[in-house]
Amino acid sequence: MKLLWKLLRHHISIARFAGFSLASIIGLVIVFASIQFYCDVAPLFSGKDSLAGKEFIVISKDVDTFRSLSDGVESFCRQEIDEIRAQDFVSDVGCFTASSFEVYARIGLRADGLAMSTDLFFESVPDKFVDVESSRWEYTPGSRMIPIVLPRNYLDLYNFGFAQARNLPQLSEELISMLGINVEISGNGKEDAYQGVIVGFSDRLNTILVPESFMEYANKEYGKGNDTGVSRLIVELDKPADERVAAYFSGKGYSVSGNGDANSKMKFFLCVAVGAVAFVGLVITLLAFYILVLSIYLLIEKNIEKLRNLLLIGYSPMAVSVPYIVLVCMVNLISVVLAVPVAFLLRSIYIGLLAPLFTDVAGEAVVWIPAVILFVLLTLMNSAVILCKIYRIRA
């Protein structure tokens, strides 16, 4: 090996390989930083506790004037629900279940006995559509404790409207979660007292939610049963940016609320921006790879007579290729090793800039994963090119 290296190391241009390394480092830094940025920021646009959440919309039928006067309720039939679920841009459909009993709630706001009371209503949806993680989101029939999820905008309306007008204290989410709500439920000639416990706040659903298990129990115990009609549906979209979404629901005369389309656009632009930057970095890396291949080809051409003589006296093509393969391995390794810390430096910079906006922007550091993958791929491609050239010389 040492003898071969001494024989073949002539004509190696340090400047040429340094230029390749610099171009490769720039390209790799862009690729690594783009991948890491996407991994750090993407969780903000997906998951239950995310910035944008999954793509959900709530649909209902337009309220008809004549039906309103006749005391009717616009509801979805089973055939309509199945038709919506069958659309290829729909991932899943959940039904809102409304309470068919009377609800009266009272909450104490100050130590002097001042309290606020009001008539309420409850609704429920399947648990998978509730965007609040809580181990307490369950109800055992017969229990007097009711988990409740409130819309976050209800709290904003109280703090910035009602509380200021009535000279009442403003409430944080943590504080109101510690307050108990006295709930009186009546119907079917029965009246019972419950204790409501606020277990979270929802940005997705503009209603007062209770677990589906409690709604089934309470509707049977105090109401008209569960067959109250389905007036609203929550729809999880698989392709929210699809132009057919708006066309389908407007064509059916359904009212649509929610931010599924906006969420999808944010995720789409994130993917496009990161993808474009990563593509530029990959192009620079491939150009640097092409420069390295040309350099190796030129080096082999200058040593072609020596290589041919080595093959003729019995050296195998693999043995003759090893010095060049070791050379490209060292160059690729140096490029990757220098690119990784630069990518980490860029990560620390953008995390510092985004920290005031998003407290959980940082995910796990994944730069080393694409670094290892790219190093292996580039080295394998370089080695394959070298071997092919050596075999052509022997032929």
Protein backbone atom coordinates (compact mmCIF):
# COMPACT_ATOMS: atom_id res chain seq x y z
CA MET A 1 0.00 0.00 0.00
CA LYS A 2 2.79 2.46 0.93
CA LEU A 3 4.70 1.58 -2.24
CA LEU A 4 1.61 2.13 -4.38
CA TRP A 5 0.90 5.44 -2.68
CA LYS A 6 4.46 6.68 -3.26
CA LEU A 7 4.17 5.68 -6.88
CA LEU A 8 0.75 7.22 -7.53
CA ARG A 9 0.80 10.35 -5.36
CA HIS A 10 2.52 12.42 -8.01
CA HIS A 11 0.46 15.04 -9.85
CA ILE A 12 -1.88 15.49 -6.84
CA SER A 13 -2.93 19.16 -6.67
CA ILE A 14 -3.54 20.27 -3.09
CA ALA A 15 -5.16 23.51 -4.28
CA ARG A 16 -7.63 21.60 -6.45
CA PHE A 17 -8.69 19.32 -3.60
CA ALA A 18 -8.88 22.27 -1.20
CA GLY A 19 -11.23 24.02 -3.63
CA PHE A 20 -13.38 20.92 -3.82
CA SER A 21 -13.49 20.66 -0.04
CA LEU A 22 -14.53 24.29 0.36
CA ALA A 23 -17.35 23.96 -2.17
CA SER A 24 -18.44 20.68 -0.61
CA ILE A 25 -18.46 22.19 2.88
CA ILE A 26 -20.66 25.09 1.73
CA GLY A 27 -23.12 22.73 0.07
CA LEU A 28 -23.21 20.32 2.99
CA VAL A 29 -23.75 23.14 5.51
CA ILE A 30 -26.78 24.34 3.54
CA VAL A 31 -28.20 20.80 3.30
CA PHE A 32 -27.60 19.98 6.99
CA ALA A 33 -28.93 23.33 8.25
CA SER A 34 -32.06 23.03 6.09
CA ILE A 35 -32.84 19.52 7.31
CA GLN A 36 -32.22 20.51 10.94
CA PHE A 37 -34.36 23.65 10.61
CA TYR A 38 -37.26 21.64 9.21
CA CYS A 39 -36.98 19.05 12.01
CA ASP A 40 -36.94 21.82 14.62
CA VAL A 41 -39.84 23.84 13.23
CA ALA A 42 -42.09 21.14 11.73
CA PRO A 43 -43.50 20.01 15.14
CA LEU A 44 -45.02 23.47 15.50
CA PHE A 45 -47.26 22.67 12.53
CA SER A 46 -48.41 19.19 13.51
CA GLY A 47 -49.68 17.31 16.51
CA LYS A 48 -52.21 18.09 19.18
CA ASP A 49 -50.15 20.66 21.05
CA SER A 50 -48.76 22.31 17.99
CA LEU A 51 -48.89 25.88 16.72
CA ALA A 52 -51.27 25.02 13.92
CA GLY A 53 -52.48 21.54 14.76
CA LYS A 54 -53.86 19.08 12.26
CA GLU A 55 -56.05 20.26 9.42
CA PHE A 56 -59.59 20.27 10.80
CA ILE A 57 -62.71 22.13 9.77
CA VAL A 58 -66.16 22.21 11.32
CA ILE A 59 -69.10 22.06 8.94
CA SER A 60 -72.79 22.67 9.48
CA LYS A 61 -75.82 23.27 7.34
CA ASP A 62 -76.98 26.80 6.65
CA VAL A 63 -79.86 27.75 8.91
CA ASP A 64 -83.08 28.04 6.93
CA THR A 65 -85.50 30.83 7.90
CA PHE A 66 -88.65 28.72 7.51
CA ARG A 67 -87.13 25.82 9.43
CA SER A 68 -86.13 28.24 12.19
CA LEU A 69 -89.70 29.47 12.49
CA SER A 70 -91.02 25.91 12.55
CA ASP A 71 -88.62 24.94 15.37
CA GLY A 72 -86.75 22.50 13.16
CA VAL A 73 -83.07 21.62 13.34
CA GLU A 74 -80.79 21.28 10.34
CA SER A 75 -78.99 17.98 10.89
CA PHE A 76 -76.88 15.54 8.89
CA CYS A 77 -78.24 12.14 8.00
CA ARG A 78 -76.11 9.00 7.98
CA GLN A 79 -75.94 8.98 4.17
CA GLU A 80 -74.55 12.54 4.07
CA ILE A 81 -71.94 11.72 6.71
CA ASP A 82 -70.83 8.60 4.82
CA GLU A 83 -70.61 10.62 1.59
CA ILE A 84 -68.34 13.21 3.23
CA ARG A 85 -66.16 10.48 4.75
CA ALA A 86 -65.79 8.85 1.31
CA GLN A 87 -64.16 11.94 -0.25
CA ASP A 88 -60.49 11.30 -1.01
CA PHE A 89 -59.42 14.60 0.59
CA VAL A 90 -61.10 13.65 3.89
CA SER A 91 -59.16 11.62 6.44
CA ASP A 92 -61.87 11.20 9.10
CA VAL A 93 -65.19 12.62 10.24
CA GLY A 94 -66.47 13.07 13.78
CA CYS A 95 -69.98 13.97 14.91
CA PHE A 96 -70.87 16.61 17.48
CA THR A 97 -73.24 15.28 20.13
CA ALA A 98 -75.30 18.00 21.79
CA SER A 99 -76.76 17.85 25.30
CA SER A 100 -80.51 17.28 25.48
CA PHE A 101 -80.78 18.37 29.12
CA GLU A 102 -80.56 21.64 31.02
CA VAL A 103 -77.25 22.80 32.44
CA TYR A 104 -76.78 25.54 35.04
CA ALA A 105 -73.27 26.49 36.21
CA ARG A 106 -71.89 28.68 38.98
CA ILE A 107 -68.29 29.73 39.58
CA GLY A 108 -66.92 31.82 42.47
CA LEU A 109 -64.60 34.64 41.45
CA ARG A 110 -63.67 36.43 44.68
CA ALA A 111 -63.30 35.69 48.36
CA ASP A 112 -66.15 38.10 49.22
CA GLY A 113 -68.65 35.67 47.80
CA LEU A 114 -69.08 37.23 44.36
CA ALA A 115 -69.95 34.53 41.88
CA MET A 116 -70.96 34.26 38.25
CA SER A 117 -73.71 31.90 37.17
CA THR A 118 -75.29 31.15 33.84
CA ASP A 119 -77.17 28.60 31.79
CA LEU A 120 -74.81 26.48 29.73
CA PHE A 121 -74.77 23.80 27.10
CA PHE A 122 -72.44 20.87 26.58
CA GLU A 123 -71.22 19.16 23.44
CA SER A 124 -68.93 16.23 22.83
CA VAL A 125 -66.87 14.86 19.96
CA PRO A 126 -64.84 11.66 19.66
CA ASP A 127 -61.77 11.90 21.88
CA LYS A 128 -59.31 11.80 18.95
CA PHE A 129 -60.56 15.22 17.79
CA VAL A 130 -59.96 16.94 21.14
CA ASP A 131 -56.79 19.03 20.88
CA VAL A 132 -55.95 18.95 24.59
CA GLU A 133 -53.72 16.27 26.05
CA SER A 134 -54.91 15.27 29.49
CA SER A 135 -54.93 12.02 31.41
CA ARG A 136 -58.06 13.31 33.17
CA TRP A 137 -60.10 13.42 29.95
CA GLU A 138 -62.32 10.51 30.92
CA TYR A 139 -65.56 10.00 32.80
CA THR A 140 -66.85 7.02 34.77
CA PRO A 141 -70.67 6.74 34.79
CA GLY A 142 -71.97 7.66 38.23
CA SER A 143 -69.04 9.95 39.08
CA ARG A 144 -69.85 13.54 40.14
CA MET A 145 -66.70 14.97 38.51
CA ILE A 146 -67.02 16.23 34.93
CA PRO A 147 -63.88 17.06 32.88
CA ILE A 148 -64.51 20.18 30.79
CA VAL A 149 -62.59 21.76 27.92
CA LEU A 150 -63.32 25.43 27.22
CA PRO A 151 -62.60 27.39 24.04
CA ARG A 152 -59.61 29.63 24.61
CA ASN A 153 -61.44 32.59 23.07
CA TYR A 154 -64.10 32.34 25.82
CA LEU A 155 -61.40 33.14 28.36
CA ASP A 156 -60.20 36.05 26.21
CA LEU A 157 -63.74 37.44 26.00
CA TYR A 158 -64.04 37.30 29.78
CA ASN A 159 -60.60 38.83 30.51
CA PHE A 160 -60.71 41.64 27.97
CA GLY A 161 -64.43 42.34 27.89
CA PHE A 162 -66.62 41.16 30.75
CA ALA A 163 -64.01 41.41 33.54
CA GLN A 164 -63.03 44.98 32.68
CA ALA A 165 -66.64 46.11 32.37
CA ARG A 166 -67.66 44.60 35.73
CA ASN A 167 -64.40 45.35 37.60
CA LEU A 168 -63.70 41.65 38.06
CA PRO A 169 -60.25 40.03 38.28
CA GLN A 170 -58.71 38.68 35.12
CA LEU A 171 -58.02 34.95 35.12
CA SER A 172 -55.09 33.02 33.68
CA GLU A 173 -55.50 29.53 32.26
CA GLU A 174 -53.66 28.07 35.24
CA LEU A 175 -55.86 29.91 37.74
CA ILE A 176 -59.17 29.08 36.12
CA SER A 177 -58.11 25.43 35.86
CA MET A 178 -57.82 25.40 39.66
CA LEU A 179 -61.32 26.81 40.15
CA GLY A 180 -64.19 24.41 40.57
CA ILE A 181 -67.43 24.86 38.67
CA ASN A 182 -70.67 23.89 40.38
CA VAL A 183 -72.83 22.31 37.69
CA GLU A 184 -76.51 21.50 38.08
CA ILE A 185 -78.01 19.15 35.50
CA SER A 186 -81.75 18.60 35.24
CA GLY A 187 -84.12 16.73 32.99
CA ASN A 188 -86.52 13.77 32.95
CA GLY A 189 -87.76 14.89 36.38
CA LYS A 190 -84.26 14.55 37.84
CA GLU A 191 -81.83 17.16 39.14
CA ASP A 192 -78.28 16.45 40.31
CA ALA A 193 -75.23 18.49 41.27
CA TYR A 194 -71.83 17.88 39.68
CA GLN A 195 -68.39 19.38 40.02
CA GLY A 196 -66.89 20.60 36.77
CA VAL A 197 -63.10 20.47 36.40
CA ILE A 198 -61.48 22.47 33.60
CA VAL A 199 -58.75 20.25 32.18
CA GLY A 200 -57.74 22.35 29.19
CA PHE A 201 -58.49 24.96 26.57
CA SER A 202 -59.09 24.37 22.89
CA ASP A 203 -58.09 26.50 19.92
CA ARG A 204 -59.85 24.19 17.50
CA LEU A 205 -63.41 23.83 18.77
CA ASN A 206 -65.58 26.79 19.68
CA THR A 207 -67.80 24.97 22.14
CA ILE A 208 -67.88 23.66 25.71
CA LEU A 209 -66.66 20.08 25.53
CA VAL A 210 -67.25 17.17 27.87
CA PRO A 211 -66.11 13.57 27.34
CA GLU A 212 -68.18 11.50 24.98
CA SER A 213 -68.71 8.91 27.72
CA PHE A 214 -70.32 11.54 29.98
CA MET A 215 -72.53 12.83 27.17
CA GLU A 216 -73.85 9.33 26.47
CA TYR A 217 -74.57 8.78 30.15
CA ALA A 218 -76.17 12.20 30.74
CA ASN A 219 -78.36 12.14 27.64
CA LYS A 220 -79.78 8.79 28.71
CA GLU A 221 -80.16 9.83 32.34
CA TYR A 222 -81.51 13.38 31.99
CA GLY A 223 -82.27 13.96 28.32
CA LYS A 224 -84.03 12.59 25.32
CA GLY A 225 -81.40 9.95 24.64
CA ASN A 226 -78.56 10.14 22.14
CA ASP A 227 -80.75 10.46 19.04
CA THR A 228 -80.79 14.27 19.06
CA GLY A 229 -79.54 14.66 15.49
CA VAL A 230 -76.11 15.64 14.26
CA SER A 231 -76.06 19.36 13.52
CA ARG A 232 -72.29 19.77 13.13
CA LEU A 233 -69.40 17.64 11.93
CA ILE A 234 -65.66 17.97 12.53
CA VAL A 235 -63.71 16.90 9.47
CA GLU A 236 -60.02 16.00 9.37
CA LEU A 237 -58.65 16.90 5.96
CA ASP A 238 -56.03 14.80 4.25
CA LYS A 239 -55.51 17.31 1.42
CA PRO A 240 -56.68 20.68 2.79
CA ALA A 241 -55.04 22.66 -0.01
CA ASP A 242 -57.00 20.70 -2.63
CA GLU A 243 -59.23 23.11 -4.54
CA ARG A 244 -61.99 20.50 -4.49
CA VAL A 245 -62.43 20.98 -0.72
CA ALA A 246 -64.01 24.43 -0.95
CA ALA A 247 -65.91 23.52 -4.12
CA TYR A 248 -67.41 20.40 -2.58
CA PHE A 249 -68.65 21.95 0.67
CA SER A 250 -69.94 25.13 -0.98
CA GLY A 251 -71.69 23.03 -3.61
CA LYS A 252 -73.43 21.11 -0.84
CA GLY A 253 -74.49 24.34 0.86
CA TYR A 254 -72.49 23.64 4.03
CA SER A 255 -71.07 26.36 6.26
CA VAL A 256 -67.37 25.84 6.97
CA SER A 257 -65.37 27.16 9.91
CA GLY A 258 -61.85 26.39 11.08
CA ASN A 259 -58.33 27.09 9.88
CA GLY A 260 -57.44 23.90 8.07
CA ASP A 261 -56.65 25.70 4.81
CA ALA A 262 -54.49 28.32 6.54
CA ASN A 263 -52.60 25.61 8.43
CA SER A 264 -51.98 23.72 5.24
CA LYS A 265 -50.65 26.81 3.49
CA MET A 266 -48.22 27.46 6.35
CA LYS A 267 -46.94 23.89 6.18
CA PHE A 268 -46.80 24.05 2.38
CA PHE A 269 -44.72 27.24 2.33
CA LEU A 270 -42.46 25.83 5.06
CA CYS A 271 -41.82 22.72 2.97
CA VAL A 272 -41.27 24.74 -0.22
CA ALA A 273 -38.87 27.20 1.43
CA VAL A 274 -36.83 24.53 3.21
CA GLY A 275 -36.90 22.29 0.15
CA ALA A 276 -35.65 25.09 -2.11
CA VAL A 277 -32.77 25.93 0.23
CA ALA A 278 -31.86 22.26 0.66
CA PHE A 279 -32.00 21.80 -3.12
CA VAL A 280 -29.52 24.65 -3.62
CA GLY A 281 -27.19 23.05 -1.07
CA LEU A 282 -27.54 19.67 -2.73
CA VAL A 283 -26.74 21.17 -6.13
CA ILE A 284 -23.58 22.77 -4.72
CA THR A 285 -22.63 19.45 -3.12
CA LEU A 286 -23.16 17.57 -6.38
CA LEU A 287 -21.13 20.13 -8.31
CA ALA A 288 -18.34 19.71 -5.77
CA PHE A 289 -18.66 15.94 -6.21
CA TYR A 290 -18.38 16.43 -9.98
CA ILE A 291 -15.22 18.50 -9.48
CA LEU A 292 -13.75 15.73 -7.34
CA VAL A 293 -14.59 13.13 -9.99
CA LEU A 294 -12.90 15.25 -12.65
CA SER A 295 -9.87 15.69 -10.41
CA ILE A 296 -9.60 11.94 -9.84
CA TYR A 297 -10.04 11.29 -13.58
CA LEU A 298 -7.30 13.80 -14.36
CA LEU A 299 -5.04 12.25 -11.73
CA ILE A 300 -5.62 8.77 -13.12
CA GLU A 301 -4.98 9.95 -16.69
CA LYS A 302 -1.63 11.43 -15.64
CA ASN A 303 -0.67 8.13 -13.98
CA ILE A 304 -2.21 5.89 -16.62
CA GLU A 305 1.05 4.33 -17.73
CA LYS A 306 2.05 3.51 -14.16
CA LEU A 307 -1.39 2.06 -13.49
CA ARG A 308 -1.31 -0.07 -16.63
CA ASN A 309 2.14 -1.43 -15.70
CA LEU A 310 0.95 -2.24 -12.15
CA LEU A 311 -2.01 -4.16 -13.57
CA LEU A 312 0.22 -6.02 -15.99
CA ILE A 313 2.62 -7.20 -13.27
CA GLY A 314 -0.23 -8.70 -11.26
CA TYR A 315 -1.79 -6.02 -9.10
CA SER A 316 -5.58 -6.33 -8.95
CA PRO A 317 -7.80 -3.36 -9.97
CA MET A 318 -9.00 -3.13 -6.36
CA ALA A 319 -5.45 -2.91 -5.00
CA VAL A 320 -4.58 -0.20 -7.51
CA SER A 321 -7.79 1.70 -6.68
CA VAL A 322 -7.28 1.70 -2.91
CA PRO A 323 -5.00 4.78 -2.73
CA TYR A 324 -7.50 6.87 -4.69
CA ILE A 325 -10.44 5.55 -2.66
CA VAL A 326 -8.61 6.39 0.57
CA LEU A 327 -7.94 9.87 -0.82
CA VAL A 328 -11.59 10.60 -1.59
CA CYS A 329 -12.65 9.11 1.76
CA MET A 330 -10.34 11.52 3.55
CA VAL A 331 -11.56 14.50 1.52
CA ASN A 332 -15.23 13.59 2.07
CA LEU A 333 -14.66 12.97 5.77
CA ILE A 334 -12.92 16.32 6.23
CA SER A 335 -15.77 18.10 4.41
CA VAL A 336 -18.46 16.43 6.53
CA VAL A 337 -16.60 16.88 9.82
CA LEU A 338 -16.12 20.61 9.15
CA ALA A 339 -19.69 21.12 7.85
CA VAL A 340 -21.44 19.61 10.90
CA PRO A 341 -20.21 22.13 13.53
CA VAL A 342 -21.01 25.02 11.17
CA ALA A 343 -24.55 23.67 10.81
CA PHE A 344 -24.84 23.43 14.60
CA LEU A 345 -23.64 27.03 14.88
CA LEU A 346 -26.35 28.17 12.47
CA ARG A 347 -28.89 26.16 14.49
CA SER A 348 -27.96 27.95 17.71
CA ILE A 349 -28.40 31.29 15.92
CA TYR A 350 -31.88 30.66 14.51
CA ILE A 351 -33.11 29.00 17.71
CA GLY A 352 -32.08 32.13 19.59
CA LEU A 353 -34.00 34.27 17.10
CA LEU A 354 -37.14 32.11 17.24
CA ALA A 355 -37.13 31.50 21.01
CA PRO A 356 -39.10 34.70 21.84
CA LEU A 357 -41.84 33.57 19.47
CA PHE A 358 -41.97 29.82 20.15
CA THR A 359 -40.88 28.31 23.45
CA ASP A 360 -40.56 24.75 22.11
CA VAL A 361 -38.97 25.44 18.74
CA ALA A 362 -35.93 23.23 19.35
CA GLY A 363 -36.27 19.56 18.59
CA GLU A 364 -33.58 16.90 18.61
CA ALA A 365 -30.29 17.51 16.84
CA VAL A 366 -30.44 15.33 13.71
CA VAL A 367 -27.57 16.80 11.67
CA TRP A 368 -25.37 13.78 12.24
CA ILE A 369 -27.89 11.47 10.56
CA PRO A 370 -27.81 13.14 7.10
CA ALA A 371 -24.06 13.70 7.60
CA VAL A 372 -23.41 9.97 7.91
CA ILE A 373 -25.78 9.18 5.03
CA LEU A 374 -24.23 11.73 2.66
CA PHE A 375 -20.69 10.69 3.58
CA VAL A 376 -21.46 7.04 2.81
CA LEU A 377 -23.28 7.88 -0.45
CA LEU A 378 -20.58 10.25 -1.73
CA THR A 379 -17.80 7.83 -0.85
CA LEU A 380 -19.56 4.91 -2.51
CA MET A 381 -20.18 6.92 -5.68
CA ASN A 382 -16.57 8.14 -5.77
CA SER A 383 -15.29 4.60 -5.23
CA ALA A 384 -17.53 3.24 -7.97
CA VAL A 385 -16.26 5.86 -10.44
CA ILE A 386 -12.62 5.07 -9.58
CA LEU A 387 -13.10 1.32 -9.93
CA CYS A 388 -14.85 1.70 -13.28
CA LYS A 389 -11.97 3.80 -14.59
CA ILE A 390 -9.33 1.33 -13.37
CA TYR A 391 -11.18 -1.61 -14.92
CA ARG A 392 -11.30 0.24 -18.25
CA ILE A 393 -7.51 0.68 -18.11
CA ARG A 394 -7.01 -3.05 -17.58
CA ALA A 395 -9.34 -3.84 -20.47
